[in-house]
Amino acid sequence: MWIASQTAVPTDSSSPSEGRSHLSRSTVILMSTPQRNTQPPSESPADDQHRTGTVTDRLVEANAHYSEQFTDPGMDARPVLNVAVVACMDARIDLHEVLGLELGDCHTIRNAGGVVTDDIIRSLTISQRALGTRTVVLIHHTGCGMLSLTEDFRHELELEVGQRPSWAVEAFQDLDQDVRQSMQRVRTSPFLLHTDDVRGFVFDVKTGLLREIDPEIAPEP
């Protein structure tokens, strides 16, 4: 549910999908995030303590219940809004709730930090060239674990396992600047067809606000 907004309704609404595919140029967006009831209504904490099996077993059991009520929505694999969202894998962020999205609206591509790596470019390339997306939304967030890591993490792994990882940690200390770097990586990729509608944001995990990041660093007064 929308709580408050400083957004404006997009003026270009030549089609339903295009009209919904562009976030407005507002600097912040506020969404409510309902508290999830983590305990099934039919169970008490005492019942939960006597449950057996692994977390994966519980997920598979939940899927069995889900499938009993499932009906094929008849959707195409192409996202309705022609948008791909790149975000951090942080468990506190429900992207569909944050952005007011519904099933089938978008591609969501997540990794540690929401940084644009070669594999993110791979996914975006397939998303655009094979499945028709045109808009890219990049989302970092406050309190990210990548703010407390450094590239020394790779060295520590090498000492522990005897092999240096081939991948970079992609840690960062400045959220805004890393969003700018991610936007630049998308906009300069030769593999992507559509790089004109790329926007970046920082999500505040305490307030639910999205703050848009200017791709250019403002000059100091």
N, C-alpha and C. Protein backbone atom coordinates (compact mmCIF):
# COMPACT_ATOMS: atom_id res chain seq x y z
N MET A 1 0.84 -1.19 0.00
CA MET A 1 0.00 0.00 0.00
C MET A 1 0.88 1.24 0.00
N TRP A 2 0.50 2.23 -0.82
CA TRP A 2 1.20 3.50 -0.82
C TRP A 2 0.87 4.26 0.46
N ILE A 3 1.91 4.77 1.14
CA ILE A 3 1.70 5.60 2.33
C ILE A 3 1.81 7.06 1.95
N ALA A 4 2.86 7.41 1.25
CA ALA A 4 3.03 8.78 0.79
C ALA A 4 3.89 8.74 -0.44
N SER A 5 3.79 9.77 -1.24
CA SER A 5 4.58 9.77 -2.47
C SER A 5 4.81 11.18 -2.94
N GLN A 6 6.00 11.39 -3.50
CA GLN A 6 6.30 12.65 -4.15
C GLN A 6 6.42 12.44 -5.64
N THR A 7 5.84 11.35 -6.13
CA THR A 7 5.97 11.01 -7.54
C THR A 7 4.91 11.72 -8.36
N ALA A 8 5.14 11.76 -9.64
CA ALA A 8 4.17 12.29 -10.58
C ALA A 8 3.80 11.19 -11.55
N VAL A 9 2.58 11.19 -12.00
CA VAL A 9 2.14 10.16 -12.95
C VAL A 9 2.86 10.37 -14.26
N PRO A 10 3.48 9.28 -14.83
CA PRO A 10 4.19 9.43 -16.10
C PRO A 10 3.27 10.01 -17.17
N THR A 11 3.82 10.92 -17.95
CA THR A 11 3.02 11.57 -18.98
C THR A 11 2.94 10.76 -20.25
N ASP A 12 3.94 9.87 -20.46
CA ASP A 12 3.93 9.07 -21.67
C ASP A 12 3.25 7.75 -21.36
N SER A 13 2.05 7.59 -21.79
CA SER A 13 1.33 6.35 -21.52
C SER A 13 0.76 5.80 -22.82
N SER A 14 1.64 5.69 -23.81
CA SER A 14 1.18 5.24 -25.11
C SER A 14 0.69 3.80 -25.07
N SER A 15 1.15 3.02 -24.07
CA SER A 15 0.63 1.68 -23.89
C SER A 15 0.64 1.39 -22.42
N PRO A 16 -0.19 0.44 -21.97
CA PRO A 16 -0.24 0.13 -20.54
C PRO A 16 1.11 -0.28 -20.00
N SER A 17 1.88 -1.08 -20.76
CA SER A 17 3.15 -1.54 -20.24
C SER A 17 4.16 -0.42 -20.20
N GLU A 18 4.17 0.44 -21.22
CA GLU A 18 5.14 1.52 -21.23
C GLU A 18 4.84 2.52 -20.14
N GLY A 19 3.58 2.76 -19.88
CA GLY A 19 3.22 3.73 -18.87
C GLY A 19 3.64 3.29 -17.49
N ARG A 20 3.74 1.98 -17.27
CA ARG A 20 4.12 1.48 -15.97
C ARG A 20 5.60 1.21 -15.87
N SER A 21 6.34 1.31 -16.97
CA SER A 21 7.72 0.87 -16.96
C SER A 21 8.70 1.92 -16.49
N HIS A 22 8.26 3.12 -16.24
CA HIS A 22 9.17 4.18 -15.85
C HIS A 22 8.84 4.70 -14.47
N LEU A 23 9.81 4.56 -13.55
CA LEU A 23 9.63 5.19 -12.26
C LEU A 23 9.75 6.69 -12.46
N SER A 24 8.98 7.46 -11.70
CA SER A 24 9.02 8.90 -11.87
C SER A 24 10.33 9.47 -11.35
N ARG A 25 10.59 10.74 -11.65
CA ARG A 25 11.83 11.38 -11.27
C ARG A 25 11.81 11.92 -9.84
N SER A 26 10.91 11.44 -9.03
CA SER A 26 10.89 11.85 -7.63
C SER A 26 12.14 11.38 -6.93
N THR A 27 12.58 12.12 -5.92
CA THR A 27 13.78 11.73 -5.21
C THR A 27 13.53 10.64 -4.20
N VAL A 28 12.30 10.51 -3.71
CA VAL A 28 12.02 9.47 -2.74
C VAL A 28 10.67 8.84 -3.02
N ILE A 29 10.55 7.57 -2.64
CA ILE A 29 9.30 6.85 -2.74
C ILE A 29 9.10 6.12 -1.42
N LEU A 30 7.92 6.23 -0.81
CA LEU A 30 7.67 5.59 0.47
C LEU A 30 6.61 4.52 0.31
N MET A 31 6.94 3.34 0.71
CA MET A 31 5.99 2.24 0.65
C MET A 31 5.85 1.64 2.03
N SER A 32 4.68 1.13 2.34
CA SER A 32 4.52 0.41 3.59
C SER A 32 5.05 -0.99 3.40
N THR A 33 5.61 -1.57 4.46
CA THR A 33 6.09 -2.93 4.42
C THR A 33 5.41 -3.69 5.55
N PRO A 34 4.35 -4.40 5.25
CA PRO A 34 3.62 -5.10 6.30
C PRO A 34 4.49 -6.13 6.99
N GLN A 35 4.29 -6.28 8.29
CA GLN A 35 5.04 -7.27 9.05
C GLN A 35 4.52 -8.65 8.71
N ARG A 36 5.42 -9.54 8.34
CA ARG A 36 5.01 -10.88 7.97
C ARG A 36 4.83 -11.73 9.21
N ASN A 37 3.75 -12.49 9.24
CA ASN A 37 3.54 -13.44 10.33
C ASN A 37 4.35 -14.67 10.04
N THR A 38 5.46 -14.83 10.75
CA THR A 38 6.38 -15.93 10.46
C THR A 38 5.89 -17.25 11.06
N GLN A 39 4.89 -17.22 11.92
CA GLN A 39 4.35 -18.43 12.51
C GLN A 39 3.02 -18.78 11.86
N PRO A 40 2.89 -19.95 11.22
CA PRO A 40 1.62 -20.32 10.61
C PRO A 40 0.50 -20.25 11.63
N PRO A 41 -0.69 -19.76 11.25
CA PRO A 41 -1.79 -19.58 12.19
C PRO A 41 -2.18 -20.85 12.92
N SER A 42 -2.06 -22.00 12.25
CA SER A 42 -2.51 -23.25 12.85
C SER A 42 -1.50 -23.85 13.80
N GLU A 43 -0.32 -23.21 13.95
CA GLU A 43 0.72 -23.78 14.78
C GLU A 43 1.08 -22.84 15.91
N SER A 44 1.48 -23.41 17.01
CA SER A 44 1.97 -22.64 18.13
C SER A 44 3.48 -22.78 18.18
N PRO A 45 4.17 -21.91 18.96
CA PRO A 45 5.62 -22.06 19.09
C PRO A 45 6.01 -23.43 19.59
N ALA A 46 5.18 -24.03 20.47
CA ALA A 46 5.49 -25.36 20.97
C ALA A 46 5.46 -26.39 19.85
N ASP A 47 4.47 -26.25 18.94
CA ASP A 47 4.41 -27.15 17.79
C ASP A 47 5.65 -27.02 16.94
N ASP A 48 6.11 -25.77 16.76
CA ASP A 48 7.26 -25.51 15.91
C ASP A 48 8.51 -26.17 16.47
N GLN A 49 8.63 -26.21 17.80
CA GLN A 49 9.81 -26.79 18.42
C GLN A 49 9.90 -28.28 18.16
N HIS A 50 8.75 -28.91 17.92
CA HIS A 50 8.74 -30.35 17.72
C HIS A 50 8.82 -30.73 16.25
N ARG A 51 8.93 -29.74 15.38
CA ARG A 51 9.07 -30.04 13.96
C ARG A 51 10.44 -30.64 13.72
N THR A 52 10.50 -31.57 12.79
CA THR A 52 11.77 -32.20 12.45
C THR A 52 12.12 -31.86 11.02
N GLY A 53 13.38 -32.15 10.66
CA GLY A 53 13.82 -31.91 9.30
C GLY A 53 14.59 -30.61 9.17
N THR A 54 15.15 -30.42 7.99
CA THR A 54 15.97 -29.24 7.71
C THR A 54 15.10 -28.07 7.23
N VAL A 55 15.74 -26.92 7.09
CA VAL A 55 15.04 -25.77 6.53
C VAL A 55 14.53 -26.09 5.13
N THR A 56 15.36 -26.77 4.35
CA THR A 56 14.94 -27.14 3.00
C THR A 56 13.72 -28.05 3.03
N ASP A 57 13.67 -28.98 4.00
CA ASP A 57 12.49 -29.83 4.14
C ASP A 57 11.24 -28.99 4.36
N ARG A 58 11.36 -27.95 5.18
CA ARG A 58 10.22 -27.07 5.45
C ARG A 58 9.81 -26.30 4.20
N LEU A 59 10.79 -25.90 3.40
CA LEU A 59 10.47 -25.20 2.16
C LEU A 59 9.74 -26.12 1.19
N VAL A 60 10.20 -27.36 1.11
CA VAL A 60 9.56 -28.32 0.20
C VAL A 60 8.13 -28.61 0.68
N GLU A 61 7.95 -28.70 2.00
CA GLU A 61 6.61 -28.92 2.54
C GLU A 61 5.69 -27.74 2.22
N ALA A 62 6.26 -26.52 2.37
CA ALA A 62 5.47 -25.32 2.04
C ALA A 62 5.07 -25.32 0.57
N ASN A 63 5.97 -25.78 -0.28
CA ASN A 63 5.67 -25.83 -1.71
C ASN A 63 4.53 -26.80 -2.01
N ALA A 64 4.50 -27.91 -1.27
CA ALA A 64 3.43 -28.88 -1.48
C ALA A 64 2.07 -28.24 -1.18
N HIS A 65 2.00 -27.45 -0.10
CA HIS A 65 0.76 -26.76 0.22
C HIS A 65 0.44 -25.70 -0.85
N TYR A 66 1.48 -25.01 -1.30
CA TYR A 66 1.30 -23.97 -2.33
C TYR A 66 0.73 -24.57 -3.61
N SER A 67 1.27 -25.72 -4.00
CA SER A 67 0.86 -26.32 -5.27
C SER A 67 -0.60 -26.77 -5.25
N GLU A 68 -1.13 -27.04 -4.04
CA GLU A 68 -2.52 -27.47 -3.94
C GLU A 68 -3.48 -26.38 -4.37
N GLN A 69 -3.08 -25.11 -4.17
CA GLN A 69 -3.93 -23.98 -4.53
C GLN A 69 -3.48 -23.30 -5.83
N PHE A 70 -2.40 -23.81 -6.42
CA PHE A 70 -1.80 -23.14 -7.57
C PHE A 70 -2.63 -23.34 -8.84
N THR A 71 -2.76 -22.25 -9.58
CA THR A 71 -3.35 -22.33 -10.93
C THR A 71 -2.41 -21.63 -11.90
N ASP A 72 -2.26 -22.15 -13.06
CA ASP A 72 -1.37 -21.58 -14.07
C ASP A 72 -1.89 -20.20 -14.47
N PRO A 73 -1.09 -19.13 -14.23
CA PRO A 73 -1.56 -17.79 -14.61
C PRO A 73 -1.53 -17.53 -16.10
N GLY A 74 -0.94 -18.44 -16.85
CA GLY A 74 -0.92 -18.29 -18.31
C GLY A 74 -0.07 -17.14 -18.79
N MET A 75 0.98 -16.82 -18.04
CA MET A 75 1.83 -15.69 -18.39
C MET A 75 2.89 -16.07 -19.40
N ASP A 76 3.30 -15.07 -20.18
CA ASP A 76 4.45 -15.20 -21.06
C ASP A 76 5.70 -14.97 -20.23
N ALA A 77 6.84 -15.48 -20.71
CA ALA A 77 8.09 -15.28 -19.98
C ALA A 77 8.59 -13.84 -20.03
N ARG A 78 8.06 -13.04 -20.95
CA ARG A 78 8.48 -11.65 -21.06
C ARG A 78 7.83 -10.80 -19.97
N PRO A 79 8.62 -10.02 -19.23
CA PRO A 79 8.04 -9.18 -18.17
C PRO A 79 7.04 -8.18 -18.73
N VAL A 80 5.91 -8.04 -18.03
CA VAL A 80 4.84 -7.15 -18.49
C VAL A 80 5.33 -5.71 -18.61
N LEU A 81 6.16 -5.25 -17.66
CA LEU A 81 6.60 -3.86 -17.65
C LEU A 81 7.91 -3.64 -18.42
N ASN A 82 8.44 -4.69 -18.99
CA ASN A 82 9.69 -4.58 -19.77
C ASN A 82 10.82 -3.94 -18.95
N VAL A 83 10.90 -4.33 -17.67
CA VAL A 83 11.91 -3.76 -16.79
C VAL A 83 12.68 -4.87 -16.08
N ALA A 84 13.97 -4.64 -15.89
CA ALA A 84 14.81 -5.53 -15.10
C ALA A 84 15.32 -4.76 -13.89
N VAL A 85 15.18 -5.36 -12.71
CA VAL A 85 15.62 -4.73 -11.47
C VAL A 85 16.82 -5.49 -10.94
N VAL A 86 17.92 -4.76 -10.73
CA VAL A 86 19.14 -5.35 -10.16
C VAL A 86 19.25 -4.86 -8.72
N ALA A 87 19.32 -5.78 -7.77
CA ALA A 87 19.33 -5.38 -6.36
C ALA A 87 20.18 -6.33 -5.54
N CYS A 88 20.42 -5.91 -4.30
CA CYS A 88 21.16 -6.74 -3.36
C CYS A 88 20.31 -7.93 -2.94
N MET A 89 20.98 -9.01 -2.53
CA MET A 89 20.27 -10.21 -2.10
C MET A 89 19.79 -10.12 -0.67
N ASP A 90 19.99 -9.00 0.01
CA ASP A 90 19.63 -8.82 1.41
C ASP A 90 18.21 -9.31 1.68
N ALA A 91 18.06 -10.14 2.73
CA ALA A 91 16.78 -10.77 3.03
C ALA A 91 15.72 -9.80 3.53
N ARG A 92 16.13 -8.58 3.90
CA ARG A 92 15.16 -7.61 4.42
C ARG A 92 14.39 -6.90 3.32
N ILE A 93 14.79 -7.07 2.07
CA ILE A 93 14.21 -6.29 0.98
C ILE A 93 13.28 -7.15 0.13
N ASP A 94 12.00 -6.86 0.20
CA ASP A 94 10.99 -7.50 -0.65
C ASP A 94 10.76 -6.57 -1.84
N LEU A 95 11.43 -6.85 -2.94
CA LEU A 95 11.40 -5.93 -4.08
C LEU A 95 10.00 -5.70 -4.62
N HIS A 96 9.18 -6.72 -4.65
CA HIS A 96 7.83 -6.54 -5.18
C HIS A 96 7.02 -5.60 -4.29
N GLU A 97 7.18 -5.71 -2.98
CA GLU A 97 6.49 -4.79 -2.07
C GLU A 97 7.06 -3.38 -2.20
N VAL A 98 8.38 -3.28 -2.22
CA VAL A 98 9.05 -1.97 -2.28
C VAL A 98 8.64 -1.20 -3.52
N LEU A 99 8.51 -1.87 -4.64
CA LEU A 99 8.26 -1.20 -5.92
C LEU A 99 6.81 -1.33 -6.40
N GLY A 100 5.96 -1.96 -5.60
CA GLY A 100 4.57 -2.10 -6.01
C GLY A 100 4.40 -2.99 -7.22
N LEU A 101 5.22 -4.02 -7.32
CA LEU A 101 5.19 -4.90 -8.47
C LEU A 101 4.32 -6.12 -8.22
N GLU A 102 3.84 -6.71 -9.30
CA GLU A 102 3.06 -7.93 -9.23
C GLU A 102 3.80 -9.03 -9.98
N LEU A 103 3.36 -10.26 -9.75
CA LEU A 103 3.95 -11.39 -10.43
C LEU A 103 3.92 -11.18 -11.93
N GLY A 104 5.08 -11.38 -12.57
CA GLY A 104 5.16 -11.24 -14.02
C GLY A 104 5.54 -9.86 -14.51
N ASP A 105 5.65 -8.89 -13.59
CA ASP A 105 5.93 -7.51 -14.01
C ASP A 105 7.36 -7.31 -14.47
N CYS A 106 8.33 -7.98 -13.83
CA CYS A 106 9.73 -7.63 -14.07
C CYS A 106 10.64 -8.83 -13.94
N HIS A 107 11.88 -8.63 -14.36
CA HIS A 107 12.96 -9.54 -14.02
C HIS A 107 13.64 -8.99 -12.77
N THR A 108 13.91 -9.83 -11.80
CA THR A 108 14.70 -9.43 -10.63
C THR A 108 16.01 -10.20 -10.65
N ILE A 109 17.09 -9.45 -10.59
CA ILE A 109 18.44 -10.03 -10.65
C ILE A 109 19.18 -9.57 -9.40
N ARG A 110 19.58 -10.51 -8.55
CA ARG A 110 20.12 -10.13 -7.24
C ARG A 110 21.47 -10.81 -6.99
N ASN A 111 22.33 -10.08 -6.30
CA ASN A 111 23.61 -10.63 -5.85
C ASN A 111 24.05 -9.90 -4.60
N ALA A 112 25.21 -10.23 -4.06
CA ALA A 112 25.72 -9.56 -2.87
C ALA A 112 26.07 -8.12 -3.22
N GLY A 113 25.32 -7.17 -2.67
CA GLY A 113 25.58 -5.76 -2.91
C GLY A 113 24.77 -5.15 -4.03
N GLY A 114 24.19 -5.95 -4.89
CA GLY A 114 23.49 -5.40 -6.04
C GLY A 114 24.41 -4.74 -7.04
N VAL A 115 25.67 -5.14 -7.04
CA VAL A 115 26.66 -4.51 -7.93
C VAL A 115 26.57 -5.12 -9.33
N VAL A 116 26.96 -4.34 -10.31
CA VAL A 116 26.91 -4.81 -11.70
C VAL A 116 28.23 -5.51 -12.03
N THR A 117 28.18 -6.81 -12.06
CA THR A 117 29.32 -7.65 -12.40
C THR A 117 29.14 -8.19 -13.82
N ASP A 118 30.11 -8.97 -14.27
CA ASP A 118 29.99 -9.60 -15.59
C ASP A 118 28.76 -10.49 -15.66
N ASP A 119 28.44 -11.18 -14.55
CA ASP A 119 27.29 -12.07 -14.59
C ASP A 119 25.98 -11.28 -14.61
N ILE A 120 25.96 -10.12 -13.97
CA ILE A 120 24.77 -9.26 -14.06
C ILE A 120 24.59 -8.79 -15.50
N ILE A 121 25.68 -8.41 -16.16
CA ILE A 121 25.60 -8.01 -17.56
C ILE A 121 25.10 -9.17 -18.41
N ARG A 122 25.55 -10.38 -18.11
CA ARG A 122 25.06 -11.57 -18.84
C ARG A 122 23.54 -11.68 -18.70
N SER A 123 23.04 -11.56 -17.46
CA SER A 123 21.60 -11.69 -17.24
C SER A 123 20.82 -10.56 -17.91
N LEU A 124 21.34 -9.33 -17.81
CA LEU A 124 20.67 -8.20 -18.44
C LEU A 124 20.66 -8.34 -19.97
N THR A 125 21.73 -8.86 -20.52
CA THR A 125 21.80 -9.04 -21.97
C THR A 125 20.74 -10.03 -22.44
N ILE A 126 20.60 -11.14 -21.72
CA ILE A 126 19.57 -12.12 -22.05
C ILE A 126 18.19 -11.51 -21.83
N SER A 127 18.04 -10.76 -20.73
CA SER A 127 16.76 -10.12 -20.42
C SER A 127 16.32 -9.18 -21.54
N GLN A 128 17.27 -8.42 -22.08
CA GLN A 128 16.93 -7.46 -23.13
C GLN A 128 16.81 -8.12 -24.49
N ARG A 129 17.79 -8.88 -24.87
CA ARG A 129 17.84 -9.39 -26.24
C ARG A 129 16.89 -10.56 -26.49
N ALA A 130 16.65 -11.37 -25.46
CA ALA A 130 15.78 -12.53 -25.65
C ALA A 130 14.38 -12.35 -25.10
N LEU A 131 14.23 -11.42 -24.13
CA LEU A 131 12.94 -11.33 -23.43
C LEU A 131 12.37 -9.91 -23.40
N GLY A 132 12.98 -9.00 -24.16
CA GLY A 132 12.33 -7.74 -24.46
C GLY A 132 12.35 -6.63 -23.43
N THR A 133 13.15 -6.73 -22.36
CA THR A 133 13.17 -5.62 -21.40
C THR A 133 13.94 -4.43 -21.97
N ARG A 134 13.58 -3.24 -21.51
CA ARG A 134 14.20 -2.01 -22.01
C ARG A 134 14.69 -1.09 -20.89
N THR A 135 14.09 -1.21 -19.71
CA THR A 135 14.42 -0.35 -18.59
C THR A 135 15.23 -1.13 -17.56
N VAL A 136 16.24 -0.46 -16.96
CA VAL A 136 17.05 -1.08 -15.92
C VAL A 136 16.98 -0.20 -14.66
N VAL A 137 16.61 -0.82 -13.55
CA VAL A 137 16.58 -0.14 -12.25
C VAL A 137 17.60 -0.82 -11.34
N LEU A 138 18.50 -0.03 -10.77
CA LEU A 138 19.55 -0.54 -9.90
C LEU A 138 19.27 -0.09 -8.47
N ILE A 139 19.34 -1.02 -7.51
CA ILE A 139 19.02 -0.69 -6.12
C ILE A 139 20.09 -1.22 -5.17
N HIS A 140 20.77 -0.30 -4.48
CA HIS A 140 21.61 -0.62 -3.33
C HIS A 140 20.78 -0.31 -2.08
N HIS A 141 21.34 -0.53 -0.89
CA HIS A 141 20.57 -0.25 0.32
C HIS A 141 21.47 0.10 1.49
N THR A 142 20.88 0.80 2.45
CA THR A 142 21.62 1.15 3.67
C THR A 142 21.88 -0.11 4.49
N GLY A 143 22.93 -0.07 5.30
CA GLY A 143 23.25 -1.20 6.15
C GLY A 143 23.71 -2.42 5.39
N CYS A 144 24.24 -2.24 4.20
CA CYS A 144 24.68 -3.37 3.38
C CYS A 144 25.95 -3.99 3.94
N GLY A 145 26.01 -5.31 3.92
CA GLY A 145 27.20 -6.00 4.42
C GLY A 145 28.44 -5.71 3.61
N MET A 146 28.28 -5.30 2.34
CA MET A 146 29.43 -5.01 1.50
C MET A 146 30.18 -3.77 1.97
N LEU A 147 29.53 -2.96 2.79
CA LEU A 147 30.19 -1.76 3.33
C LEU A 147 31.26 -2.12 4.35
N SER A 148 31.18 -3.31 4.92
CA SER A 148 32.13 -3.71 5.96
C SER A 148 33.18 -4.68 5.46
N LEU A 149 33.12 -5.05 4.19
CA LEU A 149 34.11 -5.95 3.60
C LEU A 149 35.14 -5.17 2.80
N THR A 150 36.26 -5.83 2.52
CA THR A 150 37.28 -5.28 1.63
C THR A 150 37.75 -6.41 0.72
N GLU A 151 38.63 -6.07 -0.20
CA GLU A 151 39.17 -7.10 -1.08
C GLU A 151 40.08 -8.07 -0.32
N ASP A 152 40.43 -7.74 0.93
CA ASP A 152 41.19 -8.68 1.76
C ASP A 152 40.43 -9.98 1.98
N PHE A 153 39.11 -9.93 1.80
CA PHE A 153 38.29 -11.12 1.94
C PHE A 153 38.79 -12.24 1.02
N ARG A 154 39.21 -11.87 -0.17
CA ARG A 154 39.74 -12.87 -1.12
C ARG A 154 41.05 -13.46 -0.61
N HIS A 155 41.89 -12.59 -0.04
CA HIS A 155 43.17 -13.06 0.50
C HIS A 155 42.94 -14.01 1.66
N GLU A 156 41.99 -13.70 2.51
CA GLU A 156 41.68 -14.57 3.65
C GLU A 156 41.16 -15.92 3.18
N LEU A 157 40.36 -15.92 2.13
CA LEU A 157 39.88 -17.18 1.56
C LEU A 157 41.04 -18.01 1.00
N GLU A 158 41.96 -17.33 0.34
CA GLU A 158 43.11 -18.03 -0.23
C GLU A 158 43.92 -18.70 0.87
N LEU A 159 44.13 -18.01 1.98
CA LEU A 159 44.87 -18.59 3.09
C LEU A 159 44.14 -19.78 3.70
N GLU A 160 42.81 -19.71 3.69
CA GLU A 160 42.02 -20.78 4.30
C GLU A 160 41.92 -22.02 3.43
N VAL A 161 41.66 -21.83 2.12
CA VAL A 161 41.38 -22.99 1.27
C VAL A 161 42.51 -23.31 0.30
N GLY A 162 43.50 -22.43 0.21
CA GLY A 162 44.62 -22.71 -0.67
C GLY A 162 44.41 -22.33 -2.11
N GLN A 163 43.36 -21.58 -2.39
CA GLN A 163 43.07 -21.15 -3.76
C GLN A 163 42.47 -19.76 -3.73
N ARG A 164 42.99 -18.88 -4.58
CA ARG A 164 42.48 -17.51 -4.62
C ARG A 164 41.25 -17.45 -5.52
N PRO A 165 40.16 -16.86 -5.05
CA PRO A 165 38.95 -16.77 -5.89
C PRO A 165 39.23 -15.99 -7.16
N SER A 166 38.59 -16.41 -8.25
CA SER A 166 38.75 -15.69 -9.52
C SER A 166 37.90 -14.44 -9.56
N TRP A 167 36.90 -14.33 -8.68
CA TRP A 167 35.98 -13.20 -8.68
C TRP A 167 36.43 -12.12 -7.70
N ALA A 168 36.04 -10.89 -8.01
CA ALA A 168 36.31 -9.77 -7.11
C ALA A 168 35.21 -9.69 -6.07
N VAL A 169 35.55 -9.22 -4.89
CA VAL A 169 34.56 -9.07 -3.82
C VAL A 169 33.56 -7.98 -4.19
N GLU A 170 34.01 -6.93 -4.86
CA GLU A 170 33.17 -5.78 -5.23
C GLU A 170 32.63 -5.06 -3.99
N ALA A 171 33.45 -5.03 -2.94
CA ALA A 171 33.07 -4.28 -1.74
C ALA A 171 33.14 -2.78 -2.03
N PHE A 172 32.46 -1.98 -1.21
CA PHE A 172 32.48 -0.53 -1.41
C PHE A 172 32.27 0.16 -0.08
N GLN A 173 32.65 1.43 -0.02
CA GLN A 173 32.49 2.23 1.19
C GLN A 173 31.53 3.39 1.00
N ASP A 174 31.21 3.71 -0.25
CA ASP A 174 30.33 4.83 -0.56
C ASP A 174 29.16 4.29 -1.39
N LEU A 175 27.98 4.22 -0.78
CA LEU A 175 26.80 3.68 -1.46
C LEU A 175 26.49 4.43 -2.75
N ASP A 176 26.43 5.76 -2.65
CA ASP A 176 26.04 6.56 -3.80
C ASP A 176 27.01 6.37 -4.96
N GLN A 177 28.30 6.37 -4.64
CA GLN A 177 29.29 6.25 -5.70
C GLN A 177 29.25 4.87 -6.35
N ASP A 178 28.94 3.84 -5.57
CA ASP A 178 28.88 2.51 -6.16
C ASP A 178 27.65 2.37 -7.05
N VAL A 179 26.55 3.05 -6.68
CA VAL A 179 25.39 3.06 -7.58
C VAL A 179 25.76 3.74 -8.89
N ARG A 180 26.50 4.86 -8.81
CA ARG A 180 26.93 5.55 -10.03
C ARG A 180 27.81 4.63 -10.89
N GLN A 181 28.71 3.91 -10.23
CA GLN A 181 29.58 3.00 -10.98
C GLN A 181 28.75 1.91 -11.66
N SER A 182 27.74 1.41 -10.96
CA SER A 182 26.89 0.37 -11.55
C SER A 182 26.12 0.91 -12.75
N MET A 183 25.60 2.13 -12.62
CA MET A 183 24.90 2.73 -13.77
C MET A 183 25.84 2.88 -14.95
N GLN A 184 27.07 3.30 -14.67
CA GLN A 184 28.04 3.49 -15.75
C GLN A 184 28.37 2.16 -16.43
N ARG A 185 28.49 1.11 -15.66
CA ARG A 185 28.80 -0.19 -16.24
C ARG A 185 27.68 -0.67 -17.16
N VAL A 186 26.44 -0.41 -16.77
CA VAL A 186 25.32 -0.79 -17.63
C VAL A 186 25.31 0.06 -18.89
N ARG A 187 25.47 1.36 -18.73
CA ARG A 187 25.36 2.28 -19.86
C ARG A 187 26.47 2.10 -20.89
N THR A 188 27.60 1.57 -20.47
CA THR A 188 28.73 1.43 -21.39
C THR A 188 28.91 0.00 -21.89
N SER A 189 28.03 -0.91 -21.50
CA SER A 189 28.18 -2.29 -21.95
C SER A 189 27.84 -2.40 -23.44
N PRO A 190 28.71 -3.01 -24.23
CA PRO A 190 28.44 -3.16 -25.66
C PRO A 190 27.40 -4.24 -25.95
N PHE A 191 27.06 -5.05 -24.94
CA PHE A 191 26.15 -6.17 -25.16
C PHE A 191 24.69 -5.80 -24.98
N LEU A 192 24.43 -4.67 -24.35
CA LEU A 192 23.06 -4.28 -24.05
C LEU A 192 22.47 -3.42 -25.16
N LEU A 193 21.23 -3.70 -25.52
CA LEU A 193 20.56 -2.95 -26.58
C LEU A 193 20.03 -1.61 -26.08
N HIS A 194 19.58 -1.56 -24.83
CA HIS A 194 18.89 -0.38 -24.30
C HIS A 194 19.59 0.12 -23.06
N THR A 195 20.25 1.26 -23.19
CA THR A 195 21.01 1.81 -22.06
C THR A 195 20.62 3.27 -21.77
N ASP A 196 19.53 3.73 -22.37
CA ASP A 196 19.12 5.13 -22.16
C ASP A 196 18.23 5.30 -20.93
N ASP A 197 17.55 4.23 -20.52
CA ASP A 197 16.67 4.31 -19.36
C ASP A 197 17.23 3.46 -18.23
N VAL A 198 18.30 3.96 -17.62
CA VAL A 198 18.99 3.27 -16.52
C VAL A 198 19.03 4.23 -15.34
N ARG A 199 18.41 3.84 -14.23
CA ARG A 199 18.37 4.71 -13.06
C ARG A 199 18.75 3.93 -11.81
N GLY A 200 19.39 4.63 -10.86
CA GLY A 200 19.88 3.97 -9.66
C GLY A 200 19.32 4.59 -8.40
N PHE A 201 19.16 3.75 -7.36
CA PHE A 201 18.56 4.17 -6.11
C PHE A 201 19.26 3.53 -4.92
N VAL A 202 19.09 4.16 -3.75
CA VAL A 202 19.48 3.56 -2.48
C VAL A 202 18.22 3.38 -1.66
N PHE A 203 17.97 2.17 -1.20
CA PHE A 203 16.81 1.85 -0.37
C PHE A 203 17.20 1.93 1.09
N ASP A 204 16.43 2.67 1.88
CA ASP A 204 16.69 2.80 3.31
C ASP A 204 15.91 1.71 4.04
N VAL A 205 16.63 0.77 4.67
CA VAL A 205 15.96 -0.36 5.30
C VAL A 205 15.22 0.04 6.57
N LYS A 206 15.46 1.23 7.08
CA LYS A 206 14.78 1.69 8.28
C LYS A 206 13.48 2.44 7.98
N THR A 207 13.43 3.12 6.84
CA THR A 207 12.26 3.95 6.53
C THR A 207 11.44 3.43 5.35
N GLY A 208 12.01 2.55 4.52
CA GLY A 208 11.32 2.08 3.33
C GLY A 208 11.43 3.02 2.15
N LEU A 209 12.24 4.07 2.29
CA LEU A 209 12.37 5.06 1.23
C LEU A 209 13.39 4.66 0.17
N LEU A 210 13.05 4.97 -1.07
CA LEU A 210 14.01 4.90 -2.16
C LEU A 210 14.52 6.31 -2.42
N ARG A 211 15.83 6.45 -2.48
CA ARG A 211 16.44 7.75 -2.79
C ARG A 211 17.17 7.62 -4.12
N GLU A 212 16.78 8.43 -5.10
CA GLU A 212 17.41 8.33 -6.41
C GLU A 212 18.79 8.97 -6.40
N ILE A 213 19.70 8.33 -7.10
CA ILE A 213 21.09 8.80 -7.18
C ILE A 213 21.32 9.46 -8.53
N ASP A 214 21.82 10.69 -8.47
CA ASP A 214 22.20 11.41 -9.69
C ASP A 214 23.42 10.72 -10.28
N PRO A 215 23.37 10.36 -11.56
CA PRO A 215 24.53 9.68 -12.16
C PRO A 215 25.79 10.54 -12.20
N GLU A 216 25.62 11.85 -12.12
CA GLU A 216 26.76 12.74 -12.11
C GLU A 216 26.99 13.26 -10.69
N ILE A 217 28.25 13.33 -10.30
CA ILE A 217 28.59 13.86 -8.98
C ILE A 217 28.42 15.36 -9.00
N ALA A 218 27.62 15.90 -8.08
CA ALA A 218 27.38 17.33 -8.03
C ALA A 218 28.67 18.05 -7.67
N PRO A 219 29.01 19.14 -8.38
CA PRO A 219 30.23 19.89 -8.08
C PRO A 219 30.15 20.54 -6.71
N GLU A 220 31.27 20.57 -6.01
CA GLU A 220 31.30 21.21 -4.69
C GLU A 220 31.19 22.73 -4.85
N PRO A 221 30.42 23.39 -3.94
CA PRO A 221 30.27 24.84 -4.03
C PRO A 221 31.58 25.55 -3.73
